[in-house]
Structures are given as C-alpha cells and as structure tokens.
C-alpha cells in the first residue's frame, strides 16, 4: 500500500479508524524529511496491513499546531484510534521496521486499560 496524504479534512477519520496508522509530519523544505520519505514509502510497501499517512505541515499549519508539532519530521503511530508512539527525527529503516512490529505486537486491551487509568487520574 502506498502512502496516503492526510489533511485537516480527513486526519481525525484516518487516525481513529481501526488498525494501525503511522503518520509522518513533514515539509518540503525539510532535508531530513525528504531523506526519510523513501524509508517511509518502502515500509508502506512492506506492511500493506498498516496505513502510512503523510501530513504536510506547511499546507496544514492549523492541524500541525493543534498536534503541537514543533520539530519535523515527527512520526506518530496510532492503533485503534489511540496514539501509542510519537517522536521527532528521522528513523533508519531498521528502527522503523522495529517500531511497526512493536505497534503490531501491542496488547491493546492493556493499552486501553492504561489510558482509562490515566484519564481517571486527571
């Protein structure tokens, strides 16, 4: 599966869908973003069961601000609508592969329990 573009109109619908969604927040002027793009695209071809989405932070500045993206590239991983990973900086191919496999291996029942406990404590 190739990458898809997300924007203010479809971001929430995309990341709250069932399954795994990886979002690469990037900008065309960002050297590390351009360097990471082939790695992200290759991973999307290797993991057809995962949605790989690209968020152009320049074209979607309000969404980038709402997501509090302060450095790019920023990679976010959602599983079943829950943000389970977020970090800035480009990943080498082996690290991205490891991240995808870790997200696939999550015990989502446990994750939901932890989220509920955190929300109860607020």
PDB file of N, CA and C in Angstrom:
ATOM      1  N   UNK A   1       0.850  -1.180   0.000  1.00  0.00           N
ATOM      2  CA  UNK A   1       0.000   0.000   0.000  1.00  0.00           C
ATOM      3  C   UNK A   1       0.891   1.237   0.000  1.00  0.00           C
ATOM      4  N   UNK A   2       0.616   2.136  -0.880  1.00  0.00           N
ATOM      5  CA  UNK A   2       1.370   3.386  -0.915  1.00  0.00           C
ATOM      6  C   UNK A   2       0.904   4.293   0.220  1.00  0.00           C
ATOM      7  N   UNK A   3       1.644   5.350   0.429  1.00  0.00           N
ATOM      8  CA  UNK A   3       1.253   6.295   1.466  1.00  0.00           C
ATOM      9  C   UNK A   3       0.050   7.106   0.991  1.00  0.00           C
ATOM     10  N   UNK A   4      -0.701   7.605   1.962  1.00  0.00           N
ATOM     11  CA  UNK A   4      -1.816   8.497   1.659  1.00  0.00           C
ATOM     12  C   UNK A   4      -1.515   9.859   2.268  1.00  0.00           C
ATOM     13  N   UNK A   5      -2.140  10.884   1.729  1.00  0.00           N
ATOM     14  CA  UNK A   5      -2.000  12.226   2.289  1.00  0.00           C
ATOM     15  C   UNK A   5      -3.141  12.471   3.256  1.00  0.00           C
ATOM     16  N   UNK A   6      -2.803  13.022   4.427  1.00  0.00           N
ATOM     17  CA  UNK A   6      -3.844  13.429   5.366  1.00  0.00           C
ATOM     18  C   UNK A   6      -3.797  14.942   5.506  1.00  0.00           C
ATOM     19  N   UNK A   7      -4.954  15.501   5.834  1.00  0.00           N
ATOM     20  CA  UNK A   7      -5.082  16.950   5.988  1.00  0.00           C
ATOM     21  C   UNK A   7      -6.143  17.225   7.042  1.00  0.00           C
ATOM     22  N   UNK A   8      -6.489  18.485   7.189  1.00  0.00           N
ATOM     23  CA  UNK A   8      -7.450  18.853   8.230  1.00  0.00           C
ATOM     24  C   UNK A   8      -8.803  18.191   8.019  1.00  0.00           C
ATOM     25  N   UNK A   9      -9.147  17.884   6.774  1.00  0.00           N
ATOM     26  CA  UNK A   9     -10.452  17.296   6.481  1.00  0.00           C
ATOM     27  C   UNK A   9     -10.531  15.806   6.823  1.00  0.00           C
ATOM     28  N   UNK A  10      -9.415  15.075   6.690  1.00  0.00           N
ATOM     29  CA  UNK A  10      -9.500  13.621   6.869  1.00  0.00           C
ATOM     30  C   UNK A  10      -8.587  13.055   7.961  1.00  0.00           C
ATOM     31  N   UNK A  11      -7.842  13.899   8.660  1.00  0.00           N
ATOM     32  CA  UNK A  11      -6.882  13.401   9.653  1.00  0.00           C
ATOM     33  C   UNK A  11      -7.573  12.592  10.747  1.00  0.00           C
ATOM     34  N   UNK A  12      -8.565  13.185  11.397  1.00  0.00           N
ATOM     35  CA  UNK A  12      -9.204  12.506  12.529  1.00  0.00           C
ATOM     36  C   UNK A  12      -9.847  11.189  12.100  1.00  0.00           C
ATOM     37  N   UNK A  13     -10.540  11.207  10.978  1.00  0.00           N
ATOM     38  CA  UNK A  13     -11.175   9.995  10.472  1.00  0.00           C
ATOM     39  C   UNK A  13     -10.123   8.916  10.194  1.00  0.00           C
ATOM     40  N   UNK A  14      -8.979   9.316   9.676  1.00  0.00           N
ATOM     41  CA  UNK A  14      -7.921   8.363   9.345  1.00  0.00           C
ATOM     42  C   UNK A  14      -7.310   7.747  10.599  1.00  0.00           C
ATOM     43  N   UNK A  15      -6.936   8.576  11.583  1.00  0.00           N
ATOM     44  CA  UNK A  15      -6.216   8.043  12.750  1.00  0.00           C
ATOM     45  C   UNK A  15      -7.127   7.359  13.758  1.00  0.00           C
ATOM     46  N   UNK A  16      -8.444   7.597  13.689  1.00  0.00           N
ATOM     47  CA  UNK A  16      -9.350   6.939  14.627  1.00  0.00           C
ATOM     48  C   UNK A  16      -9.912   5.640  14.060  1.00  0.00           C
ATOM     49  N   UNK A  17      -9.542   5.313  12.837  1.00  0.00           N
ATOM     50  CA  UNK A  17     -10.007   4.062  12.233  1.00  0.00           C
ATOM     51  C   UNK A  17      -9.374   2.873  12.949  1.00  0.00           C
ATOM     52  N   UNK A  18     -10.010   1.733  12.824  1.00  0.00           N
ATOM     53  CA  UNK A  18      -9.472   0.518  13.416  1.00  0.00           C
ATOM     54  C   UNK A  18      -8.180   0.141  12.703  1.00  0.00           C
ATOM     55  N   UNK A  19      -7.241  -0.381  13.455  1.00  0.00           N
ATOM     56  CA  UNK A  19      -5.974  -0.805  12.875  1.00  0.00           C
ATOM     57  C   UNK A  19      -4.854   0.160  13.202  1.00  0.00           C
ATOM     58  N   UNK A  20      -3.757   0.053  12.450  1.00  0.00           N
ATOM     59  CA  UNK A  20      -2.549   0.827  12.708  1.00  0.00           C
ATOM     60  C   UNK A  20      -2.391   1.901  11.638  1.00  0.00           C
ATOM     61  N   UNK A  21      -2.117   3.121  12.107  1.00  0.00           N
ATOM     62  CA  UNK A  21      -1.866   4.246  11.218  1.00  0.00           C
ATOM     63  C   UNK A  21      -0.568   4.902  11.661  1.00  0.00           C
ATOM     64  N   UNK A  22       0.392   4.993  10.746  1.00  0.00           N
ATOM     65  CA  UNK A  22       1.623   5.745  11.002  1.00  0.00           C
ATOM     66  C   UNK A  22       1.525   7.059  10.246  1.00  0.00           C
ATOM     67  N   UNK A  23       1.795   8.161  10.938  1.00  0.00           N
ATOM     68  CA  UNK A  23       1.719   9.481  10.328  1.00  0.00           C
ATOM     69  C   UNK A  23       3.108  10.112  10.348  1.00  0.00           C
ATOM     70  N   UNK A  24       3.552  10.540   9.174  1.00  0.00           N
ATOM     71  CA  UNK A  24       4.815  11.255   9.015  1.00  0.00           C
ATOM     72  C   UNK A  24       4.478  12.726   8.788  1.00  0.00           C
ATOM     73  N   UNK A  25       4.762  13.560   9.786  1.00  0.00           N
ATOM     74  CA  UNK A  25       4.563  15.009   9.651  1.00  0.00           C
ATOM     75  C   UNK A  25       5.839  15.585   9.061  1.00  0.00           C
ATOM     76  N   UNK A  26       5.726  16.273   7.925  1.00  0.00           N
ATOM     77  CA  UNK A  26       6.894  16.689   7.158  1.00  0.00           C
ATOM     78  C   UNK A  26       6.630  18.032   6.486  1.00  0.00           C
ATOM     79  N   UNK A  27       7.661  18.557   5.839  1.00  0.00           N
ATOM     80  CA  UNK A  27       7.549  19.757   4.999  1.00  0.00           C
ATOM     81  C   UNK A  27       8.545  19.626   3.853  1.00  0.00           C
ATOM     82  N   UNK A  28       8.202  20.206   2.721  1.00  0.00           N
ATOM     83  CA  UNK A  28       9.038  20.050   1.523  1.00  0.00           C
ATOM     84  C   UNK A  28      10.411  20.692   1.676  1.00  0.00           C
ATOM     85  N   UNK A  29      10.534  21.713   2.524  1.00  0.00           N
ATOM     86  CA  UNK A  29      11.817  22.404   2.697  1.00  0.00           C
ATOM     87  C   UNK A  29      12.746  21.703   3.696  1.00  0.00           C
ATOM     88  N   UNK A  30      12.259  20.646   4.327  1.00  0.00           N
ATOM     89  CA  UNK A  30      12.987  19.969   5.408  1.00  0.00           C
ATOM     90  C   UNK A  30      13.853  18.836   4.831  1.00  0.00           C
ATOM     91  N   UNK A  31      15.174  19.005   4.898  1.00  0.00           N
ATOM     92  CA  UNK A  31      16.104  17.993   4.393  1.00  0.00           C
ATOM     93  C   UNK A  31      15.916  16.622   5.029  1.00  0.00           C
ATOM     94  N   UNK A  32      15.885  16.532   6.366  1.00  0.00           N
ATOM     95  CA  UNK A  32      15.669  15.223   6.986  1.00  0.00           C
ATOM     96  C   UNK A  32      14.329  14.589   6.587  1.00  0.00           C
ATOM     97  N   UNK A  33      13.311  15.432   6.372  1.00  0.00           N
ATOM     98  CA  UNK A  33      12.008  14.911   5.942  1.00  0.00           C
ATOM     99  C   UNK A  33      12.131  14.254   4.571  1.00  0.00           C
ATOM    100  N   UNK A  34      12.815  14.939   3.656  1.00  0.00           N
ATOM    101  CA  UNK A  34      12.996  14.394   2.304  1.00  0.00           C
ATOM    102  C   UNK A  34      13.848  13.128   2.343  1.00  0.00           C
ATOM    103  N   UNK A  35      14.834  13.088   3.239  1.00  0.00           N
ATOM    104  CA  UNK A  35      15.694  11.910   3.361  1.00  0.00           C
ATOM    105  C   UNK A  35      14.919  10.715   3.931  1.00  0.00           C
ATOM    106  N   UNK A  36      13.959  10.975   4.812  1.00  0.00           N
ATOM    107  CA  UNK A  36      13.176   9.911   5.449  1.00  0.00           C
ATOM    108  C   UNK A  36      12.078   9.375   4.530  1.00  0.00           C
ATOM    109  N   UNK A  37      11.632  10.173   3.577  1.00  0.00           N
ATOM    110  CA  UNK A  37      10.499   9.803   2.725  1.00  0.00           C
ATOM    111  C   UNK A  37      10.654   8.439   2.048  1.00  0.00           C
ATOM    112  N   UNK A  38      11.803   8.098   1.444  1.00  0.00           N
ATOM    113  CA  UNK A  38      11.920   6.776   0.815  1.00  0.00           C
ATOM    114  C   UNK A  38      11.823   5.626   1.821  1.00  0.00           C
ATOM    115  N   UNK A  39      12.334   5.821   3.024  1.00  0.00           N
ATOM    116  CA  UNK A  39      12.246   4.798   4.070  1.00  0.00           C
ATOM    117  C   UNK A  39      10.793   4.562   4.449  1.00  0.00           C
ATOM    118  N   UNK A  40      10.037   5.654   4.609  1.00  0.00           N
ATOM    119  CA  UNK A  40       8.617   5.575   4.969  1.00  0.00           C
ATOM    120  C   UNK A  40       7.835   4.890   3.842  1.00  0.00           C
ATOM    121  N   UNK A  41       8.120   5.280   2.600  1.00  0.00           N
ATOM    122  CA  UNK A  41       7.429   4.698   1.441  1.00  0.00           C
ATOM    123  C   UNK A  41       7.716   3.203   1.329  1.00  0.00           C
ATOM    124  N   UNK A  42       8.975   2.800   1.528  1.00  0.00           N
ATOM    125  CA  UNK A  42       9.338   1.382   1.453  1.00  0.00           C
ATOM    126  C   UNK A  42       8.627   0.580   2.531  1.00  0.00           C
ATOM    127  N   UNK A  43       8.550   1.137   3.740  1.00  0.00           N
ATOM    128  CA  UNK A  43       7.849   0.452   4.830  1.00  0.00           C
ATOM    129  C   UNK A  43       6.373   0.281   4.490  1.00  0.00           C
ATOM    130  N   UNK A  44       5.780   1.273   3.802  1.00  0.00           N
ATOM    131  CA  UNK A  44       4.364   1.171   3.427  1.00  0.00           C
ATOM    132  C   UNK A  44       4.154   0.026   2.437  1.00  0.00           C
ATOM    133  N   UNK A  45       5.152  -0.243   1.610  1.00  0.00           N
ATOM    134  CA  UNK A  45       5.060  -1.347   0.657  1.00  0.00           C
ATOM    135  C   UNK A  45       5.247  -2.687   1.355  1.00  0.00           C
ATOM    136  N   UNK A  46       6.069  -2.713   2.416  1.00  0.00           N
ATOM    137  CA  UNK A  46       6.340  -3.947   3.147  1.00  0.00           C
ATOM    138  C   UNK A  46       5.212  -4.322   4.112  1.00  0.00           C
ATOM    139  N   UNK A  47       4.470  -3.331   4.582  1.00  0.00           N
ATOM    140  CA  UNK A  47       3.420  -3.558   5.589  1.00  0.00           C
ATOM    141  C   UNK A  47       2.079  -3.084   5.035  1.00  0.00           C
ATOM    142  N   UNK A  48       1.510  -3.890   4.147  1.00  0.00           N
ATOM    143  CA  UNK A  48       0.260  -3.495   3.496  1.00  0.00           C
ATOM    144  C   UNK A  48      -0.933  -3.512   4.444  1.00  0.00           C
ATOM    145  N   UNK A  49      -0.754  -4.074   5.641  1.00  0.00           N
ATOM    146  CA  UNK A  49      -1.822  -4.104   6.636  1.00  0.00           C
ATOM    147  C   UNK A  49      -1.819  -2.855   7.525  1.00  0.00           C
ATOM    148  N   UNK A  50      -0.898  -1.940   7.265  1.00  0.00           N
ATOM    149  CA  UNK A  50      -0.763  -0.711   8.047  1.00  0.00           C
ATOM    150  C   UNK A  50      -1.031   0.477   7.117  1.00  0.00           C
ATOM    151  N   UNK A  51      -1.724   1.495   7.626  1.00  0.00           N
ATOM    152  CA  UNK A  51      -1.934   2.715   6.859  1.00  0.00           C
ATOM    153  C   UNK A  51      -0.766   3.658   7.127  1.00  0.00           C
ATOM    154  N   UNK A  52      -0.100   4.096   6.081  1.00  0.00           N
ATOM    155  CA  UNK A  52       1.002   5.051   6.173  1.00  0.00           C
ATOM    156  C   UNK A  52       0.504   6.376   5.613  1.00  0.00           C
ATOM    157  N   UNK A  53       0.504   7.402   6.444  1.00  0.00           N
ATOM    158  CA  UNK A  53      -0.048   8.698   6.058  1.00  0.00           C
ATOM    159  C   UNK A  53       1.008   9.787   6.167  1.00  0.00           C
ATOM    160  N   UNK A  54       0.949  10.723   5.237  1.00  0.00           N
ATOM    161  CA  UNK A  54       1.879  11.854   5.233  1.00  0.00           C
ATOM    162  C   UNK A  54       1.074  13.119   5.508  1.00  0.00           C
ATOM    163  N   UNK A  55       1.566  13.927   6.457  1.00  0.00           N
ATOM    164  CA  UNK A  55       0.933  15.189   6.816  1.00  0.00           C
ATOM    165  C   UNK A  55       1.881  16.322   6.460  1.00  0.00           C
ATOM    166  N   UNK A  56       1.537  17.087   5.448  1.00  0.00           N
ATOM    167  CA  UNK A  56       2.329  18.243   5.032  1.00  0.00           C
ATOM    168  C   UNK A  56       2.035  19.375   6.020  1.00  0.00           C
ATOM    169  N   UNK A  57       3.015  19.666   6.873  1.00  0.00           N
ATOM    170  CA  UNK A  57       2.793  20.658   7.934  1.00  0.00           C
ATOM    171  C   UNK A  57       2.673  22.074   7.394  1.00  0.00           C
ATOM    172  N   UNK A  58       3.234  22.336   6.215  1.00  0.00           N
ATOM    173  CA  UNK A  58       3.118  23.668   5.618  1.00  0.00           C
ATOM    174  C   UNK A  58       1.710  23.900   5.085  1.00  0.00           C
ATOM    175  N   UNK A  59       1.153  22.894   4.446  1.00  0.00           N
ATOM    176  CA  UNK A  59      -0.190  23.013   3.869  1.00  0.00           C
ATOM    177  C   UNK A  59      -1.279  22.889   4.931  1.00  0.00           C
ATOM    178  N   UNK A  60      -0.928  22.368   6.092  1.00  0.00           N
ATOM    179  CA  UNK A  60      -1.906  22.127   7.166  1.00  0.00           C
ATOM    180  C   UNK A  60      -1.394  22.700   8.482  1.00  0.00           C
ATOM    181  N   UNK A  61      -1.099  23.996   8.479  1.00  0.00           N
ATOM    182  CA  UNK A  61      -0.476  24.625   9.644  1.00  0.00           C
ATOM    183  C   UNK A  61      -1.363  24.590  10.882  1.00  0.00           C
ATOM    184  N   UNK A  62      -2.669  24.742  10.714  1.00  0.00           N
ATOM    185  CA  UNK A  62      -3.562  24.700  11.876  1.00  0.00           C
ATOM    186  C   UNK A  62      -3.560  23.321  12.517  1.00  0.00           C
ATOM    187  N   UNK A  63      -3.585  22.287  11.692  1.00  0.00           N
ATOM    188  CA  UNK A  63      -3.556  20.922  12.214  1.00  0.00           C
ATOM    189  C   UNK A  63      -2.214  20.644  12.883  1.00  0.00           C
ATOM    190  N   UNK A  64      -1.122  21.077  12.250  1.00  0.00           N
ATOM    191  CA  UNK A  64       0.203  20.887  12.851  1.00  0.00           C
ATOM    192  C   UNK A  64       0.289  21.575  14.212  1.00  0.00           C
ATOM    193  N   UNK A  65      -0.295  22.770  14.305  1.00  0.00           N
ATOM    194  CA  UNK A  65      -0.307  23.490  15.591  1.00  0.00           C
ATOM    195  C   UNK A  65      -1.161  22.750  16.612  1.00  0.00           C
ATOM    196  N   UNK A  66      -2.309  22.253  16.185  1.00  0.00           N
ATOM    197  CA  UNK A  66      -3.194  21.524  17.105  1.00  0.00           C
ATOM    198  C   UNK A  66      -2.516  20.246  17.615  1.00  0.00           C
ATOM    199  N   UNK A  67      -1.696  19.646  16.785  1.00  0.00           N
ATOM    200  CA  UNK A  67      -0.963  18.440  17.183  1.00  0.00           C
ATOM    201  C   UNK A  67       0.322  18.767  17.941  1.00  0.00           C
ATOM    202  N   UNK A  68       0.595  20.060  18.095  1.00  0.00           N
ATOM    203  CA  UNK A  68       1.776  20.551  18.806  1.00  0.00           C
ATOM    204  C   UNK A  68       3.070  20.013  18.200  1.00  0.00           C
ATOM    205  N   UNK A  69       3.123  19.990  16.870  1.00  0.00           N
ATOM    206  CA  UNK A  69       4.328  19.563  16.172  1.00  0.00           C
ATOM    207  C   UNK A  69       5.299  20.731  16.163  1.00  0.00           C
ATOM    208  N   UNK A  70       6.438  20.539  16.814  1.00  0.00           N
ATOM    209  CA  UNK A  70       7.425  21.608  16.937  1.00  0.00           C
ATOM    210  C   UNK A  70       8.716  21.305  16.201  1.00  0.00           C
ATOM    211  N   UNK A  71       8.883  20.067  15.761  1.00  0.00           N
ATOM    212  CA  UNK A  71      10.070  19.667  15.002  1.00  0.00           C
ATOM    213  C   UNK A  71       9.636  18.638  13.972  1.00  0.00           C
ATOM    214  N   UNK A  72      10.276  18.672  12.823  1.00  0.00           N
ATOM    215  CA  UNK A  72       9.939  17.699  11.796  1.00  0.00           C
ATOM    216  C   UNK A  72      11.211  17.058  11.274  1.00  0.00           C
ATOM    217  N   UNK A  73      11.132  15.847  10.806  1.00  0.00           N
ATOM    218  CA  UNK A  73       9.917  15.052  10.756  1.00  0.00           C
ATOM    219  C   UNK A  73       9.482  14.592  12.155  1.00  0.00           C
ATOM    220  N   UNK A  74       8.183  14.487  12.337  1.00  0.00           N
ATOM    221  CA  UNK A  74       7.611  13.889  13.536  1.00  0.00           C
ATOM    222  C   UNK A  74       6.827  12.666  13.094  1.00  0.00           C
ATOM    223  N   UNK A  75       7.090  11.558  13.739  1.00  0.00           N
ATOM    224  CA  UNK A  75       6.406  10.308  13.422  1.00  0.00           C
ATOM    225  C   UNK A  75       5.449   9.980  14.560  1.00  0.00           C
ATOM    226  N   UNK A  76       4.198   9.689  14.185  1.00  0.00           N
ATOM    227  CA  UNK A  76       3.185   9.303  15.164  1.00  0.00           C
ATOM    228  C   UNK A  76       2.606   7.959  14.752  1.00  0.00           C
ATOM    229  N   UNK A  77       2.354   7.102  15.732  1.00  0.00           N
ATOM    230  CA  UNK A  77       1.722   5.810  15.474  1.00  0.00           C
ATOM    231  C   UNK A  77       0.437   5.733  16.280  1.00  0.00           C
ATOM    232  N   UNK A  78      -0.636   5.412  15.589  1.00  0.00           N
ATOM    233  CA  UNK A  78      -1.946   5.219  16.213  1.00  0.00           C
ATOM    234  C   UNK A  78      -2.356   3.776  16.009  1.00  0.00           C
ATOM    235  N   UNK A  79      -2.968   3.200  17.036  1.00  0.00           N
ATOM    236  CA  UNK A  79      -3.543   1.863  16.882  1.00  0.00           C
ATOM    237  C   UNK A  79      -4.941   1.912  17.466  1.00  0.00           C
ATOM    238  N   UNK A  80      -5.899   1.567  16.649  1.00  0.00           N
ATOM    239  CA  UNK A  80      -7.310   1.598  17.046  1.00  0.00           C
ATOM    240  C   UNK A  80      -7.691   2.955  17.635  1.00  0.00           C
ATOM    241  N   UNK A  81      -7.160   4.010  17.034  1.00  0.00           N
ATOM    242  CA  UNK A  81      -7.509   5.368  17.436  1.00  0.00           C
ATOM    243  C   UNK A  81      -6.737   5.913  18.618  1.00  0.00           C
ATOM    244  N   UNK A  82      -5.803   5.145  19.159  1.00  0.00           N
ATOM    245  CA  UNK A  82      -5.028   5.579  20.329  1.00  0.00           C
ATOM    246  C   UNK A  82      -3.598   5.900  19.887  1.00  0.00           C
ATOM    247  N   UNK A  83      -3.120   7.077  20.244  1.00  0.00           N
ATOM    248  CA  UNK A  83      -1.733   7.441  19.958  1.00  0.00           C
ATOM    249  C   UNK A  83      -0.832   6.604  20.859  1.00  0.00           C
ATOM    250  N   UNK A  84      -0.008   5.747  20.246  1.00  0.00           N
ATOM    251  CA  UNK A  84       0.847   4.846  21.028  1.00  0.00           C
ATOM    252  C   UNK A  84       2.330   5.178  20.892  1.00  0.00           C
ATOM    253  N   UNK A  85       2.667   6.086  19.945  1.00  0.00           N
ATOM    254  CA  UNK A  85       4.066   6.480  19.760  1.00  0.00           C
ATOM    255  C   UNK A  85       4.101   7.845  19.097  1.00  0.00           C
ATOM    256  N   UNK A  86       5.062   8.656  19.539  1.00  0.00           N
ATOM    257  CA  UNK A  86       5.289   9.952  18.905  1.00  0.00           C
ATOM    258  C   UNK A  86       6.728  10.358  19.196  1.00  0.00           C
ATOM    259  N   UNK A  87       7.460  10.717  18.134  1.00  0.00           N
ATOM    260  CA  UNK A  87       8.830  11.165  18.320  1.00  0.00           C
ATOM    261  C   UNK A  87       9.243  11.979  17.101  1.00  0.00           C
ATOM    262  N   UNK A  88      10.151  12.900  17.311  1.00  0.00           N
ATOM    263  CA  UNK A  88      10.683  13.715  16.220  1.00  0.00           C
ATOM    264  C   UNK A  88      12.023  13.151  15.776  1.00  0.00           C
ATOM    265  N   UNK A  89      12.320  13.370  14.516  1.00  0.00           N
ATOM    266  CA  UNK A  89      13.577  12.903  13.949  1.00  0.00           C
ATOM    267  C   UNK A  89      13.347  11.736  13.016  1.00  0.00           C
ATOM    268  N   UNK A  90      14.253  11.601  12.062  1.00  0.00           N
ATOM    269  CA  UNK A  90      14.076  10.504  11.108  1.00  0.00           C
ATOM    270  C   UNK A  90      14.618   9.203  11.680  1.00  0.00           C
ATOM    271  N   UNK A  91      13.984   8.122  11.292  1.00  0.00           N
ATOM    272  CA  UNK A  91      14.402   6.801  11.740  1.00  0.00           C
ATOM    273  C   UNK A  91      15.090   6.069  10.597  1.00  0.00           C
ATOM    274  N   UNK A  92      16.150   5.325  10.897  1.00  0.00           N
ATOM    275  CA  UNK A  92      16.723   4.460   9.865  1.00  0.00           C
ATOM    276  C   UNK A  92      15.746   3.317   9.578  1.00  0.00           C
ATOM    277  N   UNK A  93      15.879   2.664   8.431  1.00  0.00           N
ATOM    278  CA  UNK A  93      14.928   1.602   8.064  1.00  0.00           C
ATOM    279  C   UNK A  93      14.728   0.531   9.137  1.00  0.00           C
ATOM    280  N   UNK A  94      15.803   0.076   9.766  1.00  0.00           N
ATOM    281  CA  UNK A  94      15.670  -0.992  10.777  1.00  0.00           C
ATOM    282  C   UNK A  94      14.871  -0.513  11.982  1.00  0.00           C
ATOM    283  N   UNK A  95      15.047   0.742  12.378  1.00  0.00           N
ATOM    284  CA  UNK A  95      14.308   1.276  13.529  1.00  0.00           C
ATOM    285  C   UNK A  95      12.828   1.446  13.194  1.00  0.00           C
ATOM    286  N   UNK A  96      12.518   1.870  11.964  1.00  0.00           N
ATOM    287  CA  UNK A  96      11.113   1.991  11.563  1.00  0.00           C
ATOM    288  C   UNK A  96      10.458   0.619  11.509  1.00  0.00           C
ATOM    289  N   UNK A  97      11.170  -0.357  10.994  1.00  0.00           N
ATOM    290  CA  UNK A  97      10.675  -1.738  10.948  1.00  0.00           C
ATOM    291  C   UNK A  97      10.392  -2.236  12.369  1.00  0.00           C
ATOM    292  N   UNK A  98      11.307  -1.968  13.289  1.00  0.00           N
ATOM    293  CA  UNK A  98      11.132  -2.370  14.684  1.00  0.00           C
ATOM    294  C   UNK A  98       9.912  -1.687  15.296  1.00  0.00           C
ATOM    295  N   UNK A  99       9.744  -0.393  15.019  1.00  0.00           N
ATOM    296  CA  UNK A  99       8.594   0.345  15.544  1.00  0.00           C
ATOM    297  C   UNK A  99       7.289  -0.268  15.046  1.00  0.00           C
ATOM    298  N   UNK A 100       7.211  -0.529  13.744  1.00  0.00           N
ATOM    299  CA  UNK A 100       5.985  -1.113  13.185  1.00  0.00           C
ATOM    300  C   UNK A 100       5.683  -2.446  13.860  1.00  0.00           C
ATOM    301  N   UNK A 101       6.691  -3.270  14.032  1.00  0.00           N
ATOM    302  CA  UNK A 101       6.477  -4.579  14.666  1.00  0.00           C
ATOM    303  C   UNK A 101       6.092  -4.452  16.132  1.00  0.00           C
ATOM    304  N   UNK A 102       6.650  -3.462  16.841  1.00  0.00           N
ATOM    305  CA  UNK A 102       6.263  -3.244  18.236  1.00  0.00           C
ATOM    306  C   UNK A 102       4.799  -2.799  18.331  1.00  0.00           C
ATOM    307  N   UNK A 103       4.382  -1.908  17.438  1.00  0.00           N
ATOM    308  CA  UNK A 103       2.990  -1.448  17.451  1.00  0.00           C
ATOM    309  C   UNK A 103       2.059  -2.613  17.127  1.00  0.00           C
ATOM    310  N   UNK A 104       2.448  -3.453  16.177  1.00  0.00           N
ATOM    311  CA  UNK A 104       1.639  -4.629  15.840  1.00  0.00           C
ATOM    312  C   UNK A 104       1.523  -5.574  17.033  1.00  0.00           C
ATOM    313  N   UNK A 105       2.578  -5.645  17.843  1.00  0.00           N
ATOM    314  CA  UNK A 105       2.608  -6.581  18.964  1.00  0.00           C
ATOM    315  C   UNK A 105       1.970  -6.078  20.248  1.00  0.00           C
ATOM    316  N   UNK A 106       1.474  -4.843  20.241  1.00  0.00           N
ATOM    317  CA  UNK A 106       0.887  -4.296  21.464  1.00  0.00           C
ATOM    318  C   UNK A 106      -0.338  -5.081  21.907  1.00  0.00           C
ATOM    319  N   UNK A 107      -0.472  -5.231  23.211  1.00  0.00           N
ATOM    320  CA  UNK A 107      -1.679  -5.796  23.813  1.00  0.00           C
ATOM    321  C   UNK A 107      -2.648  -4.632  23.996  1.00  0.00           C
ATOM    322  N   UNK A 108      -3.576  -4.480  23.060  1.00  0.00           N
ATOM    323  CA  UNK A 108      -4.440  -3.298  23.067  1.00  0.00           C
ATOM    324  C   UNK A 108      -5.398  -3.278  24.247  1.00  0.00           C
ATOM    325  N   UNK A 109      -5.736  -4.429  24.780  1.00  0.00           N
ATOM    326  CA  UNK A 109      -6.575  -4.454  25.977  1.00  0.00           C
ATOM    327  C   UNK A 109      -5.830  -3.777  27.133  1.00  0.00           C
ATOM    328  N   UNK A 110      -4.545  -4.080  27.246  1.00  0.00           N
ATOM    329  CA  UNK A 110      -3.714  -3.464  28.277  1.00  0.00           C
ATOM    330  C   UNK A 110      -3.546  -1.965  28.021  1.00  0.00           C
ATOM    331  N   UNK A 111      -3.344  -1.588  26.756  1.00  0.00           N
ATOM    332  CA  UNK A 111      -3.193  -0.172  26.411  1.00  0.00           C
ATOM    333  C   UNK A 111      -4.460   0.598  26.782  1.00  0.00           C
ATOM    334  N   UNK A 112      -5.630   0.049  26.436  1.00  0.00           N
ATOM    335  CA  UNK A 112      -6.902   0.726  26.765  1.00  0.00           C
ATOM    336  C   UNK A 112      -7.063   0.874  28.283  1.00  0.00           C
ATOM    337  N   UNK A 113      -6.635  -0.156  29.030  1.00  0.00           N
ATOM    338  CA  UNK A 113      -6.707  -0.112  30.491  1.00  0.00           C
ATOM    339  C   UNK A 113      -5.813   1.020  31.023  1.00  0.00           C
ATOM    340  N   UNK A 114      -4.598   1.136  30.477  1.00  0.00           N
ATOM    341  CA  UNK A 114      -3.679   2.186  30.918  1.00  0.00           C
ATOM    342  C   UNK A 114      -4.237   3.578  30.591  1.00  0.00           C
ATOM    343  N   UNK A 115      -4.838   3.716  29.403  1.00  0.00           N
ATOM    344  CA  UNK A 115      -5.424   5.001  29.008  1.00  0.00           C
ATOM    345  C   UNK A 115      -6.569   5.359  29.947  1.00  0.00           C
ATOM    346  N   UNK A 116      -7.405   4.379  30.277  1.00  0.00           N
ATOM    347  CA  UNK A 116      -8.523   4.620  31.182  1.00  0.00           C
ATOM    348  C   UNK A 116      -8.027   5.040  32.562  1.00  0.00           C
ATOM    349  N   UNK A 117      -6.954   4.393  33.035  1.00  0.00           N
ATOM    350  CA  UNK A 117      -6.386   4.740  34.342  1.00  0.00           C
ATOM    351  C   UNK A 117      -5.809   6.160  34.321  1.00  0.00           C
ATOM    352  N   UNK A 118      -5.136   6.519  33.239  1.00  0.00           N
ATOM    353  CA  UNK A 118      -4.586   7.882  33.125  1.00  0.00           C
ATOM    354  C   UNK A 118      -5.705   8.909  33.106  1.00  0.00           C
ATOM    355  N   UNK A 119      -6.761   8.633  32.351  1.00  0.00           N
ATOM    356  CA  UNK A 119      -7.875   9.571  32.260  1.00  0.00           C
ATOM    357  C   UNK A 119      -8.619   9.678  33.585  1.00  0.00           C
ATOM    358  N   UNK A 120      -8.685   8.612  34.337  1.00  0.00           N
ATOM    359  CA  UNK A 120      -9.357   8.626  35.645  1.00  0.00           C
ATOM    360  C   UNK A 120      -8.566   9.466  36.651  1.00  0.00           C
ATOM    361  N   UNK A 121      -7.253   9.516  36.466  1.00  0.00           N
ATOM    362  CA  UNK A 121      -6.383  10.246  37.382  1.00  0.00           C
ATOM    363  C   UNK A 121      -6.340  11.735  37.119  1.00  0.00           C
ATOM    364  N   UNK A 122      -6.961  12.196  36.047  1.00  0.00           N
ATOM    365  CA  UNK A 122      -6.903  13.615  35.698  1.00  0.00           C
ATOM    366  C   UNK A 122      -7.921  14.420  36.444  1.00  0.00           C
TER     367      UNK A 122
END
